[in-house]
Every structure is written in structure tokens, then in C-alpha cells.
């Protein structure tokens, strides 16, 4: 039975283990054990996949594809013309063979363009084996031309996507600037209440805490918008945004300095203020594009200084 399964060196050991050690050897397989499917799949994954020529063409940029397509047409035209010179047959217009001269070269290149575009006027026809070559050029020309068209469509889609990203980005920046202006007005109202009452009462502190939370949310939105954005913001929009941040932080610093000590302290308000300080410094240090940094340095320095005073 074991021999049928591919084992060799099979003996009957009547004396047990001592007989096996004295006169025998282990039971061996004549065929190596088959690999498991998991081992085969791991080996298959480690082998680099070979790209097809269509995938290689699709990975080329548009300019390279167009150049390759035109070059292929010219090469095929030269082949048609040279075949007519060397073999005496090549292309034919009507019942007249194309002569192997410069006019014949122009006709061969014209026929190559018509074949690659699959127009097929029928005014020039190939002879002999050139018919197979013309069919090959027609297939290759259509495939490459299809890649060119897909690249054009893809480029237009990228332009539309970029335009959508820019429009969405600008709309969100406009909303943030509007919300920052509302935060500034609310902080001004809190300052007015403080001036009327002489101190920050519990009700005024709760309103201040609510405004600070809104301000922290807007800072987080600004951080998310400017950190590795899909599109770069305009300098004027960024300058206006930073100016709104400066006036909001100035009002917040003044209110924070007049907060009562002791039992009037709020842990959630302190946490929000620390978060505002951190976000403001990160916006200036990591999110503002470096190309705008020189012209916006004054606003960025003010924001970082005010952020340190809040923490």
C-alpha cells in the first residue's frame, strides 16, 4: 500500500524498534512533497508582474503618445516607399503604381496617415505583402489614437476636478471669514457686557465659553483647509483670513486677562484656550504656504505672539 503511494525503502520489521535500527532505514518518499497552495500563491506574489504594451502606452504622457503615434506613421510610410524601390511593387493609385521618387514618398506618407486613422479613401491601395502591413498599421494606429483620446478626456476631467476643488475651497474660506467676523462681534459683545457690569459674571463667562468653542472650531477648519490643500489659496484671501484671526485673538487675550481667578475658572474654557493657542501656532508654522510667508510675516508673528499669551 505504501509503495502505491510513492514510498520506497519499505520493509517489514518484526523485531520492532531494535530491528528497525539494526537493518532498516526510514520510510522514504520517491517523490518530493507537493507544495501547498499558500506557498505557491506567496511565490506568485513575489514575482513582479510584467506590464503589457497597452499598459505601458497608457502610462505615457500625452505629448509622448502623440510623438510616438506620428513617428509610427512616418516609419510605416517610409517602409511603403522603400518597399516600392527595392522590390518594384508597393502602392498603387488607380491602375498606376506609385513611383519611387519624392512624390511617391509623399503619397506613401499620405497613405500611412489615412491607414492609421482608418479613414480609407481607397485612392491609394497596397500591393502584395504590404496589405498585411497596412492592416497591422491600422490596428496599431487605432489603439494608439484611442490612448491619445483617453488622455485628452482624462486631462479635461482633471481640469474640471481641480476647478471644483478650487470653487469648494474658496467657498469654505469665505464661510470661515464670515464666521470669524461673527466671532469677533460676539467677543465685542462680551467685552461690552464686561464694561457695563465691571467684571465677567457667570452668565457672561458662559457666553464667553460658548464663543471660544465656536472660535476653536473655526480654527480647526482653517487648519484642515490649509494643511496640504488640494489647491493653494490666493494671497489676498489668506491675508484677509490672517487679519481676522489677529483681531479675534486680540479680543480674546483682553477678555482672558480680565477673567476672575479662583472659583471663576472653568476647566473646559481653559482647555479650549489651550487648543486655540496650539492651533493658531500650527496654522502659522505648518499651514501657511512658504511662498506667502515673507509678505504675511507681520500677521503671522502677531498671531503666534497672541497665541502664546492665551496659553
C-alpha atoms as a PDB file:
ATOM      1  CA  UNK A   1       0.000   0.000   0.000  1.00  0.00           C
ATOM      2  CA  UNK A   2       2.795   2.392   0.892  1.00  0.00           C
ATOM      3  CA  UNK A   3       4.565   1.625  -2.380  1.00  0.00           C
ATOM      4  CA  UNK A   4       1.449   2.584  -4.299  1.00  0.00           C
ATOM      5  CA  UNK A   5       1.503   5.938  -2.511  1.00  0.00           C
ATOM      6  CA  UNK A   6       5.069   6.582  -3.717  1.00  0.00           C
ATOM      7  CA  UNK A   7       7.093   5.415  -0.695  1.00  0.00           C
ATOM      8  CA  UNK A   8      10.334   3.436  -1.070  1.00  0.00           C
ATOM      9  CA  UNK A   9      12.597   1.539   1.320  1.00  0.00           C
ATOM     10  CA  UNK A  10       9.565  -0.193   2.796  1.00  0.00           C
ATOM     11  CA  UNK A  11      10.407  -3.291   4.896  1.00  0.00           C
ATOM     12  CA  UNK A  12       8.693  -5.462   7.430  1.00  0.00           C
ATOM     13  CA  UNK A  13      10.316  -5.090  10.808  1.00  0.00           C
ATOM     14  CA  UNK A  14       9.269  -7.949  13.027  1.00  0.00           C
ATOM     15  CA  UNK A  15      11.656  -7.062  15.825  1.00  0.00           C
ATOM     16  CA  UNK A  16      10.241  -3.653  16.461  1.00  0.00           C
ATOM     17  CA  UNK A  17      12.452  -0.613  17.028  1.00  0.00           C
ATOM     18  CA  UNK A  18      15.671  -2.640  17.509  1.00  0.00           C
ATOM     19  CA  UNK A  19      15.178  -4.414  14.170  1.00  0.00           C
ATOM     20  CA  UNK A  20      14.405  -1.038  12.528  1.00  0.00           C
ATOM     21  CA  UNK A  21      17.639   0.476  13.850  1.00  0.00           C
ATOM     22  CA  UNK A  22      19.769  -2.599  13.014  1.00  0.00           C
ATOM     23  CA  UNK A  23      18.681  -3.438   9.500  1.00  0.00           C
ATOM     24  CA  UNK A  24      16.357  -0.831   8.209  1.00  0.00           C
ATOM     25  CA  UNK A  25      16.056   2.789   7.371  1.00  0.00           C
ATOM     26  CA  UNK A  26      13.266   5.266   7.429  1.00  0.00           C
ATOM     27  CA  UNK A  27      10.352   5.053   5.072  1.00  0.00           C
ATOM     28  CA  UNK A  28      11.146   7.440   2.234  1.00  0.00           C
ATOM     29  CA  UNK A  29       9.054   9.059  -0.457  1.00  0.00           C
ATOM     30  CA  UNK A  30      10.227   8.693  -4.031  1.00  0.00           C
ATOM     31  CA  UNK A  31       8.514  11.981  -4.986  1.00  0.00           C
ATOM     32  CA  UNK A  32       9.065  15.249  -3.129  1.00  0.00           C
ATOM     33  CA  UNK A  33       6.067  16.541  -1.199  1.00  0.00           C
ATOM     34  CA  UNK A  34       3.847  18.799  -3.228  1.00  0.00           C
ATOM     35  CA  UNK A  35       3.849  22.487  -2.429  1.00  0.00           C
ATOM     36  CA  UNK A  36       0.852  23.878  -0.657  1.00  0.00           C
ATOM     37  CA  UNK A  37      -1.427  26.360  -2.382  1.00  0.00           C
ATOM     38  CA  UNK A  38      -0.383  29.013   0.154  1.00  0.00           C
ATOM     39  CA  UNK A  39       3.303  28.527  -0.718  1.00  0.00           C
ATOM     40  CA  UNK A  40       2.540  28.708  -4.432  1.00  0.00           C
ATOM     41  CA  UNK A  41       0.491  31.870  -4.007  1.00  0.00           C
ATOM     42  CA  UNK A  42       3.264  33.525  -1.959  1.00  0.00           C
ATOM     43  CA  UNK A  43       5.808  32.734  -4.655  1.00  0.00           C
ATOM     44  CA  UNK A  44       3.407  34.042  -7.284  1.00  0.00           C
ATOM     45  CA  UNK A  45       3.012  37.305  -5.368  1.00  0.00           C
ATOM     46  CA  UNK A  46       6.765  37.810  -5.147  1.00  0.00           C
ATOM     47  CA  UNK A  47       7.202  37.533  -8.923  1.00  0.00           C
ATOM     48  CA  UNK A  48       6.923  41.015 -10.483  1.00  0.00           C
ATOM     49  CA  UNK A  49       4.024  41.299 -12.909  1.00  0.00           C
ATOM     50  CA  UNK A  50       5.007  42.075 -16.479  1.00  0.00           C
ATOM     51  CA  UNK A  51       3.199  45.057 -17.933  1.00  0.00           C
ATOM     52  CA  UNK A  52       1.547  44.708 -21.319  1.00  0.00           C
ATOM     53  CA  UNK A  53       2.447  47.152 -24.066  1.00  0.00           C
ATOM     54  CA  UNK A  54      -1.021  48.690 -23.800  1.00  0.00           C
ATOM     55  CA  UNK A  55      -0.425  49.432 -20.108  1.00  0.00           C
ATOM     56  CA  UNK A  56       2.959  50.937 -20.972  1.00  0.00           C
ATOM     57  CA  UNK A  57       1.357  53.162 -23.623  1.00  0.00           C
ATOM     58  CA  UNK A  58      -1.396  54.212 -21.218  1.00  0.00           C
ATOM     59  CA  UNK A  59       1.224  55.289 -18.667  1.00  0.00           C
ATOM     60  CA  UNK A  60       2.950  57.649 -21.117  1.00  0.00           C
ATOM     61  CA  UNK A  61       2.162  61.380 -21.046  1.00  0.00           C
ATOM     62  CA  UNK A  62       0.054  62.870 -23.823  1.00  0.00           C
ATOM     63  CA  UNK A  63       2.936  64.594 -25.627  1.00  0.00           C
ATOM     64  CA  UNK A  64       4.959  61.386 -25.760  1.00  0.00           C
ATOM     65  CA  UNK A  65       1.978  59.423 -27.070  1.00  0.00           C
ATOM     66  CA  UNK A  66       1.330  61.917 -29.873  1.00  0.00           C
ATOM     67  CA  UNK A  67       5.020  61.928 -30.810  1.00  0.00           C
ATOM     68  CA  UNK A  68       5.130  58.131 -30.878  1.00  0.00           C
ATOM     69  CA  UNK A  69       1.953  57.978 -32.980  1.00  0.00           C
ATOM     70  CA  UNK A  70       3.266  60.461 -35.565  1.00  0.00           C
ATOM     71  CA  UNK A  71       6.648  58.702 -35.617  1.00  0.00           C
ATOM     72  CA  UNK A  72       4.958  55.363 -36.248  1.00  0.00           C
ATOM     73  CA  UNK A  73       3.034  56.842 -39.188  1.00  0.00           C
ATOM     74  CA  UNK A  74       6.226  58.244 -40.725  1.00  0.00           C
ATOM     75  CA  UNK A  75       8.081  54.944 -40.251  1.00  0.00           C
ATOM     76  CA  UNK A  76       5.296  52.969 -41.928  1.00  0.00           C
ATOM     77  CA  UNK A  77       5.242  55.488 -44.786  1.00  0.00           C
ATOM     78  CA  UNK A  78       8.982  55.014 -45.311  1.00  0.00           C
ATOM     79  CA  UNK A  79       8.513  51.247 -45.312  1.00  0.00           C
ATOM     80  CA  UNK A  80       5.853  51.504 -48.011  1.00  0.00           C
ATOM     81  CA  UNK A  81       8.109  53.738 -50.109  1.00  0.00           C
ATOM     82  CA  UNK A  82      11.314  51.709 -49.612  1.00  0.00           C
ATOM     83  CA  UNK A  83       9.460  48.506 -50.490  1.00  0.00           C
ATOM     84  CA  UNK A  84       8.443  50.067 -53.782  1.00  0.00           C
ATOM     85  CA  UNK A  85      12.084  50.955 -54.511  1.00  0.00           C
ATOM     86  CA  UNK A  86      13.665  47.639 -53.503  1.00  0.00           C
ATOM     87  CA  UNK A  87      11.029  45.181 -54.717  1.00  0.00           C
ATOM     88  CA  UNK A  88       9.431  47.086 -57.531  1.00  0.00           C
ATOM     89  CA  UNK A  89       5.949  46.928 -56.000  1.00  0.00           C
ATOM     90  CA  UNK A  90       4.407  48.836 -53.130  1.00  0.00           C
ATOM     91  CA  UNK A  91       1.466  51.213 -53.512  1.00  0.00           C
ATOM     92  CA  UNK A  92      -0.850  51.871 -56.392  1.00  0.00           C
ATOM     93  CA  UNK A  93      -3.101  54.823 -57.264  1.00  0.00           C
ATOM     94  CA  UNK A  94      -5.862  53.647 -59.526  1.00  0.00           C
ATOM     95  CA  UNK A  95      -4.125  51.409 -62.066  1.00  0.00           C
ATOM     96  CA  UNK A  96      -0.790  53.226 -61.829  1.00  0.00           C
ATOM     97  CA  UNK A  97       1.987  52.141 -59.482  1.00  0.00           C
ATOM     98  CA  UNK A  98       3.413  54.808 -57.180  1.00  0.00           C
ATOM     99  CA  UNK A  99       6.830  55.824 -58.444  1.00  0.00           C
ATOM    100  CA  UNK A 100       9.827  55.572 -56.083  1.00  0.00           C
ATOM    101  CA  UNK A 101      10.539  59.334 -56.078  1.00  0.00           C
ATOM    102  CA  UNK A 102       9.775  62.255 -53.753  1.00  0.00           C
ATOM    103  CA  UNK A 103       6.197  62.413 -54.961  1.00  0.00           C
ATOM    104  CA  UNK A 104       5.949  58.708 -54.233  1.00  0.00           C
ATOM    105  CA  UNK A 105       7.286  59.344 -50.703  1.00  0.00           C
ATOM    106  CA  UNK A 106       4.585  61.953 -50.127  1.00  0.00           C
ATOM    107  CA  UNK A 107       1.955  59.514 -51.375  1.00  0.00           C
ATOM    108  CA  UNK A 108       3.304  56.762 -49.088  1.00  0.00           C
ATOM    109  CA  UNK A 109       3.201  59.030 -46.024  1.00  0.00           C
ATOM    110  CA  UNK A 110      -0.300  60.192 -47.000  1.00  0.00           C
ATOM    111  CA  UNK A 111      -1.427  56.569 -47.277  1.00  0.00           C
ATOM    112  CA  UNK A 112       0.150  55.827 -43.894  1.00  0.00           C
ATOM    113  CA  UNK A 113      -1.817  58.670 -42.240  1.00  0.00           C
ATOM    114  CA  UNK A 114      -5.058  57.554 -43.875  1.00  0.00           C
ATOM    115  CA  UNK A 115      -4.457  53.964 -42.769  1.00  0.00           C
ATOM    116  CA  UNK A 116      -3.552  54.905 -39.179  1.00  0.00           C
ATOM    117  CA  UNK A 117      -6.718  56.996 -38.889  1.00  0.00           C
ATOM    118  CA  UNK A 118      -8.822  54.233 -40.534  1.00  0.00           C
ATOM    119  CA  UNK A 119     -10.320  56.740 -42.976  1.00  0.00           C
ATOM    120  CA  UNK A 120      -9.857  54.512 -46.032  1.00  0.00           C
ATOM    121  CA  UNK A 121     -10.482  56.748 -49.040  1.00  0.00           C
ATOM    122  CA  UNK A 122      -9.433  53.965 -51.403  1.00  0.00           C
ATOM    123  CA  UNK A 123      -7.484  56.270 -53.734  1.00  0.00           C
ATOM    124  CA  UNK A 124      -4.218  54.526 -52.769  1.00  0.00           C
ATOM    125  CA  UNK A 125      -4.083  50.767 -52.250  1.00  0.00           C
ATOM    126  CA  UNK A 126      -1.239  48.492 -51.087  1.00  0.00           C
ATOM    127  CA  UNK A 127       0.001  45.569 -53.132  1.00  0.00           C
ATOM    128  CA  UNK A 128       1.250  42.151 -52.107  1.00  0.00           C
ATOM    129  CA  UNK A 129       2.510  41.718 -48.579  1.00  0.00           C
ATOM    130  CA  UNK A 130       2.024  45.425 -47.883  1.00  0.00           C
ATOM    131  CA  UNK A 131      -1.662  44.710 -47.385  1.00  0.00           C
ATOM    132  CA  UNK A 132      -0.805  42.769 -44.222  1.00  0.00           C
ATOM    133  CA  UNK A 133       1.434  45.625 -43.102  1.00  0.00           C
ATOM    134  CA  UNK A 134      -1.380  48.121 -43.746  1.00  0.00           C
ATOM    135  CA  UNK A 135      -3.777  46.075 -41.612  1.00  0.00           C
ATOM    136  CA  UNK A 136      -1.176  45.953 -38.823  1.00  0.00           C
ATOM    137  CA  UNK A 137      -0.697  49.717 -39.006  1.00  0.00           C
ATOM    138  CA  UNK A 138      -4.458  50.270 -38.945  1.00  0.00           C
ATOM    139  CA  UNK A 139      -4.849  48.225 -35.757  1.00  0.00           C
ATOM    140  CA  UNK A 140      -1.837  49.827 -34.042  1.00  0.00           C
ATOM    141  CA  UNK A 141      -2.904  53.304 -35.145  1.00  0.00           C
ATOM    142  CA  UNK A 142      -6.403  52.864 -33.745  1.00  0.00           C
ATOM    143  CA  UNK A 143      -5.098  51.593 -30.404  1.00  0.00           C
ATOM    144  CA  UNK A 144      -2.605  54.437 -30.010  1.00  0.00           C
ATOM    145  CA  UNK A 145      -5.145  57.010 -31.194  1.00  0.00           C
ATOM    146  CA  UNK A 146      -7.574  55.633 -28.605  1.00  0.00           C
ATOM    147  CA  UNK A 147      -4.927  56.149 -25.918  1.00  0.00           C
ATOM    148  CA  UNK A 148      -4.456  59.745 -27.111  1.00  0.00           C
ATOM    149  CA  UNK A 149      -8.211  60.418 -26.929  1.00  0.00           C
ATOM    150  CA  UNK A 150      -8.423  58.876 -23.452  1.00  0.00           C
ATOM    151  CA  UNK A 151      -5.529  61.066 -22.316  1.00  0.00           C
ATOM    152  CA  UNK A 152      -7.316  64.169 -23.624  1.00  0.00           C
ATOM    153  CA  UNK A 153     -10.509  63.185 -21.805  1.00  0.00           C
ATOM    154  CA  UNK A 154      -8.545  62.396 -18.637  1.00  0.00           C
ATOM    155  CA  UNK A 155      -6.772  65.757 -18.760  1.00  0.00           C
ATOM    156  CA  UNK A 156     -10.096  67.565 -19.149  1.00  0.00           C
ATOM    157  CA  UNK A 157     -11.505  65.619 -16.212  1.00  0.00           C
ATOM    158  CA  UNK A 158      -8.512  66.634 -14.108  1.00  0.00           C
ATOM    159  CA  UNK A 159      -9.070  70.283 -15.035  1.00  0.00           C
ATOM    160  CA  UNK A 160     -12.749  70.052 -14.091  1.00  0.00           C
ATOM    161  CA  UNK A 161     -11.902  68.301 -10.820  1.00  0.00           C
ATOM    162  CA  UNK A 162      -9.330  70.966  -9.982  1.00  0.00           C
ATOM    163  CA  UNK A 163     -11.875  73.678 -10.754  1.00  0.00           C
ATOM    164  CA  UNK A 164     -14.418  72.009  -8.466  1.00  0.00           C
ATOM    165  CA  UNK A 165     -11.805  71.728  -5.699  1.00  0.00           C
ATOM    166  CA  UNK A 166     -10.899  75.409  -6.071  1.00  0.00           C
ATOM    167  CA  UNK A 167     -14.526  76.545  -6.030  1.00  0.00           C
ATOM    168  CA  UNK A 168     -15.275  74.434  -2.955  1.00  0.00           C
ATOM    169  CA  UNK A 169     -12.088  75.623  -1.253  1.00  0.00           C
ATOM    170  CA  UNK A 170     -12.874  79.293  -1.883  1.00  0.00           C
ATOM    171  CA  UNK A 171     -16.463  78.862  -0.668  1.00  0.00           C
ATOM    172  CA  UNK A 172     -15.255  77.282   2.569  1.00  0.00           C
ATOM    173  CA  UNK A 173     -12.715  80.062   3.064  1.00  0.00           C
ATOM    174  CA  UNK A 174     -15.457  82.654   2.574  1.00  0.00           C
ATOM    175  CA  UNK A 175     -17.640  80.923   5.161  1.00  0.00           C
ATOM    176  CA  UNK A 176     -14.735  80.782   7.603  1.00  0.00           C
ATOM    177  CA  UNK A 177     -14.040  84.506   7.165  1.00  0.00           C
ATOM    178  CA  UNK A 178     -17.720  85.255   7.762  1.00  0.00           C
ATOM    179  CA  UNK A 179     -17.780  83.065  10.869  1.00  0.00           C
ATOM    180  CA  UNK A 180     -14.625  84.717  12.205  1.00  0.00           C
ATOM    181  CA  UNK A 181     -16.285  88.102  11.797  1.00  0.00           C
ATOM    182  CA  UNK A 182     -19.275  86.814  13.792  1.00  0.00           C
ATOM    183  CA  UNK A 183     -16.907  85.508  16.474  1.00  0.00           C
ATOM    184  CA  UNK A 184     -15.266  88.938  16.646  1.00  0.00           C
ATOM    185  CA  UNK A 185     -18.681  90.619  17.040  1.00  0.00           C
ATOM    186  CA  UNK A 186     -19.625  88.160  19.789  1.00  0.00           C
ATOM    187  CA  UNK A 187     -16.351  88.786  21.620  1.00  0.00           C
ATOM    188  CA  UNK A 188     -17.044  92.508  21.308  1.00  0.00           C
ATOM    189  CA  UNK A 189     -20.474  91.978  22.884  1.00  0.00           C
ATOM    190  CA  UNK A 190     -18.855  90.114  25.778  1.00  0.00           C
ATOM    191  CA  UNK A 191     -16.401  92.982  26.238  1.00  0.00           C
ATOM    192  CA  UNK A 192     -19.308  95.435  26.274  1.00  0.00           C
ATOM    193  CA  UNK A 193     -21.113  93.387  28.946  1.00  0.00           C
ATOM    194  CA  UNK A 194     -17.914  93.277  30.965  1.00  0.00           C
ATOM    195  CA  UNK A 195     -17.594  97.066  30.747  1.00  0.00           C
ATOM    196  CA  UNK A 196     -21.211  97.538  31.871  1.00  0.00           C
ATOM    197  CA  UNK A 197     -21.025  95.092  34.799  1.00  0.00           C
ATOM    198  CA  UNK A 198     -17.415  95.780  35.753  1.00  0.00           C
ATOM    199  CA  UNK A 199     -16.497  92.094  35.756  1.00  0.00           C
ATOM    200  CA  UNK A 200     -17.136  88.816  33.990  1.00  0.00           C
ATOM    201  CA  UNK A 201     -20.169  87.346  35.752  1.00  0.00           C
ATOM    202  CA  UNK A 202     -21.185  83.719  35.493  1.00  0.00           C
ATOM    203  CA  UNK A 203     -23.634  84.341  32.667  1.00  0.00           C
ATOM    204  CA  UNK A 204     -21.085  86.373  30.710  1.00  0.00           C
ATOM    205  CA  UNK A 205     -18.442  83.686  31.277  1.00  0.00           C
ATOM    206  CA  UNK A 206     -20.775  81.034  29.886  1.00  0.00           C
ATOM    207  CA  UNK A 207     -21.332  83.169  26.808  1.00  0.00           C
ATOM    208  CA  UNK A 208     -17.577  83.663  26.504  1.00  0.00           C
ATOM    209  CA  UNK A 209     -17.036  79.912  26.791  1.00  0.00           C
ATOM    210  CA  UNK A 210     -19.575  79.262  24.024  1.00  0.00           C
ATOM    211  CA  UNK A 211     -17.908  81.836  21.760  1.00  0.00           C
ATOM    212  CA  UNK A 212     -14.473  80.352  22.466  1.00  0.00           C
ATOM    213  CA  UNK A 213     -15.713  76.907  21.446  1.00  0.00           C
ATOM    214  CA  UNK A 214     -17.022  78.302  18.167  1.00  0.00           C
ATOM    215  CA  UNK A 215     -13.696  80.065  17.624  1.00  0.00           C
ATOM    216  CA  UNK A 216     -11.810  76.830  18.282  1.00  0.00           C
ATOM    217  CA  UNK A 217     -13.963  75.032  15.711  1.00  0.00           C
ATOM    218  CA  UNK A 218     -13.242  77.709  13.102  1.00  0.00           C
ATOM    219  CA  UNK A 219      -9.515  77.461  13.812  1.00  0.00           C
ATOM    220  CA  UNK A 220      -9.686  73.707  13.321  1.00  0.00           C
ATOM    221  CA  UNK A 221     -11.467  74.278   9.999  1.00  0.00           C
ATOM    222  CA  UNK A 222      -8.745  76.729   8.918  1.00  0.00           C
ATOM    223  CA  UNK A 223      -6.066  74.222   9.910  1.00  0.00           C
ATOM    224  CA  UNK A 224      -7.743  71.446   7.911  1.00  0.00           C
ATOM    225  CA  UNK A 225      -8.217  73.718   4.889  1.00  0.00           C
ATOM    226  CA  UNK A 226      -4.646  74.978   4.751  1.00  0.00           C
ATOM    227  CA  UNK A 227      -2.791  71.811   5.757  1.00  0.00           C
ATOM    228  CA  UNK A 228      -1.860  70.044   2.485  1.00  0.00           C
ATOM    229  CA  UNK A 229      -4.756  71.543   0.496  1.00  0.00           C
ATOM    230  CA  UNK A 230      -5.791  70.346  -2.962  1.00  0.00           C
ATOM    231  CA  UNK A 231      -5.306  73.900  -4.229  1.00  0.00           C
ATOM    232  CA  UNK A 232      -3.171  76.767  -2.930  1.00  0.00           C
ATOM    233  CA  UNK A 233      -5.132  79.724  -1.524  1.00  0.00           C
ATOM    234  CA  UNK A 234      -4.837  83.181  -3.031  1.00  0.00           C
ATOM    235  CA  UNK A 235      -2.559  85.564  -1.171  1.00  0.00           C
ATOM    236  CA  UNK A 236      -5.308  88.167  -0.737  1.00  0.00           C
ATOM    237  CA  UNK A 237      -7.726  85.607   0.715  1.00  0.00           C
ATOM    238  CA  UNK A 238      -5.034  84.314   3.056  1.00  0.00           C
ATOM    239  CA  UNK A 239      -4.106  87.830   4.140  1.00  0.00           C
ATOM    240  CA  UNK A 240      -7.748  88.627   4.950  1.00  0.00           C
ATOM    241  CA  UNK A 241      -8.077  85.376   6.884  1.00  0.00           C
ATOM    242  CA  UNK A 242      -4.988  86.055   8.992  1.00  0.00           C
ATOM    243  CA  UNK A 243      -6.149  89.631   9.669  1.00  0.00           C
ATOM    244  CA  UNK A 244      -9.453  88.290  11.033  1.00  0.00           C
ATOM    245  CA  UNK A 245      -7.512  85.872  13.214  1.00  0.00           C
ATOM    246  CA  UNK A 246      -5.422  88.715  14.629  1.00  0.00           C
ATOM    247  CA  UNK A 247      -8.397  90.840  15.709  1.00  0.00           C
ATOM    248  CA  UNK A 248     -10.205  87.829  17.202  1.00  0.00           C
ATOM    249  CA  UNK A 249      -7.122  86.778  19.160  1.00  0.00           C
ATOM    250  CA  UNK A 250      -6.560  90.335  20.402  1.00  0.00           C
ATOM    251  CA  UNK A 251     -10.097  90.498  21.806  1.00  0.00           C
ATOM    252  CA  UNK A 252      -9.720  87.043  23.334  1.00  0.00           C
ATOM    253  CA  UNK A 253      -6.427  87.980  25.011  1.00  0.00           C
ATOM    254  CA  UNK A 254      -8.046  91.046  26.593  1.00  0.00           C
ATOM    255  CA  UNK A 255     -11.006  89.044  27.884  1.00  0.00           C
ATOM    256  CA  UNK A 256      -8.810  86.226  29.154  1.00  0.00           C
ATOM    257  CA  UNK A 257      -6.691  88.696  31.103  1.00  0.00           C
ATOM    258  CA  UNK A 258      -9.749  90.057  32.905  1.00  0.00           C
ATOM    259  CA  UNK A 259     -11.151  86.681  33.938  1.00  0.00           C
ATOM    260  CA  UNK A 260     -11.686  86.281  37.686  1.00  0.00           C
ATOM    261  CA  UNK A 261      -9.338  83.921  39.495  1.00  0.00           C
ATOM    262  CA  UNK A 262     -10.257  81.134  41.872  1.00  0.00           C
ATOM    263  CA  UNK A 263     -13.752  79.695  41.683  1.00  0.00           C
ATOM    264  CA  UNK A 264     -14.488  81.578  38.456  1.00  0.00           C
ATOM    265  CA  UNK A 265     -12.067  79.413  36.495  1.00  0.00           C
ATOM    266  CA  UNK A 266     -13.541  76.914  34.026  1.00  0.00           C
ATOM    267  CA  UNK A 267     -11.656  73.754  33.079  1.00  0.00           C
ATOM    268  CA  UNK A 268     -13.430  73.457  29.728  1.00  0.00           C
ATOM    269  CA  UNK A 269     -12.695  77.112  28.910  1.00  0.00           C
ATOM    270  CA  UNK A 270      -9.020  76.623  29.774  1.00  0.00           C
ATOM    271  CA  UNK A 271      -8.870  73.523  27.571  1.00  0.00           C
ATOM    272  CA  UNK A 272     -10.466  75.436  24.688  1.00  0.00           C
ATOM    273  CA  UNK A 273      -7.976  78.282  25.112  1.00  0.00           C
ATOM    274  CA  UNK A 274      -5.037  75.867  25.052  1.00  0.00           C
ATOM    275  CA  UNK A 275      -6.434  74.260  21.917  1.00  0.00           C
ATOM    276  CA  UNK A 276      -6.822  77.699  20.287  1.00  0.00           C
ATOM    277  CA  UNK A 277      -3.216  78.554  21.156  1.00  0.00           C
ATOM    278  CA  UNK A 278      -1.929  75.301  19.690  1.00  0.00           C
ATOM    279  CA  UNK A 279      -3.988  75.547  16.506  1.00  0.00           C
ATOM    280  CA  UNK A 280      -3.038  79.188  15.916  1.00  0.00           C
ATOM    281  CA  UNK A 281       0.671  78.391  16.178  1.00  0.00           C
ATOM    282  CA  UNK A 282       0.326  75.344  13.917  1.00  0.00           C
ATOM    283  CA  UNK A 283      -1.505  77.405  11.288  1.00  0.00           C
ATOM    284  CA  UNK A 284       1.370  79.882  11.144  1.00  0.00           C
ATOM    285  CA  UNK A 285       4.114  77.280  11.425  1.00  0.00           C
ATOM    286  CA  UNK A 286       2.836  74.448   9.206  1.00  0.00           C
ATOM    287  CA  UNK A 287      -0.172  75.524   7.126  1.00  0.00           C
ATOM    288  CA  UNK A 288       0.653  78.878   5.540  1.00  0.00           C
ATOM    289  CA  UNK A 289       2.406  78.265   2.181  1.00  0.00           C
ATOM    290  CA  UNK A 290       6.060  79.268   2.368  1.00  0.00           C
ATOM    291  CA  UNK A 291       5.757  81.293  -0.822  1.00  0.00           C
ATOM    292  CA  UNK A 292       3.471  83.723   1.048  1.00  0.00           C
ATOM    293  CA  UNK A 293       5.432  83.747   4.296  1.00  0.00           C
ATOM    294  CA  UNK A 294       7.579  86.868   3.605  1.00  0.00           C
ATOM    295  CA  UNK A 295       4.633  89.143   2.789  1.00  0.00           C
ATOM    296  CA  UNK A 296       2.468  87.769   5.626  1.00  0.00           C
ATOM    297  CA  UNK A 297       5.224  87.641   8.232  1.00  0.00           C
ATOM    298  CA  UNK A 298       3.832  90.526  10.290  1.00  0.00           C
ATOM    299  CA  UNK A 299       0.399  88.953  10.703  1.00  0.00           C
ATOM    300  CA  UNK A 300       1.914  85.543  11.425  1.00  0.00           C
ATOM    301  CA  UNK A 301       4.199  86.990  14.112  1.00  0.00           C
ATOM    302  CA  UNK A 302       1.234  88.730  15.749  1.00  0.00           C
ATOM    303  CA  UNK A 303      -0.812  85.528  15.734  1.00  0.00           C
ATOM    304  CA  UNK A 304       1.989  83.484  17.296  1.00  0.00           C
ATOM    305  CA  UNK A 305       2.608  86.125  19.980  1.00  0.00           C
ATOM    306  CA  UNK A 306      -1.092  86.357  20.867  1.00  0.00           C
ATOM    307  CA  UNK A 307      -1.363  82.552  20.892  1.00  0.00           C
ATOM    308  CA  UNK A 308       1.464  82.308  23.416  1.00  0.00           C
ATOM    309  CA  UNK A 309      -0.282  84.855  25.661  1.00  0.00           C
ATOM    310  CA  UNK A 310      -3.512  82.853  25.609  1.00  0.00           C
ATOM    311  CA  UNK A 311      -1.931  79.526  26.628  1.00  0.00           C
END
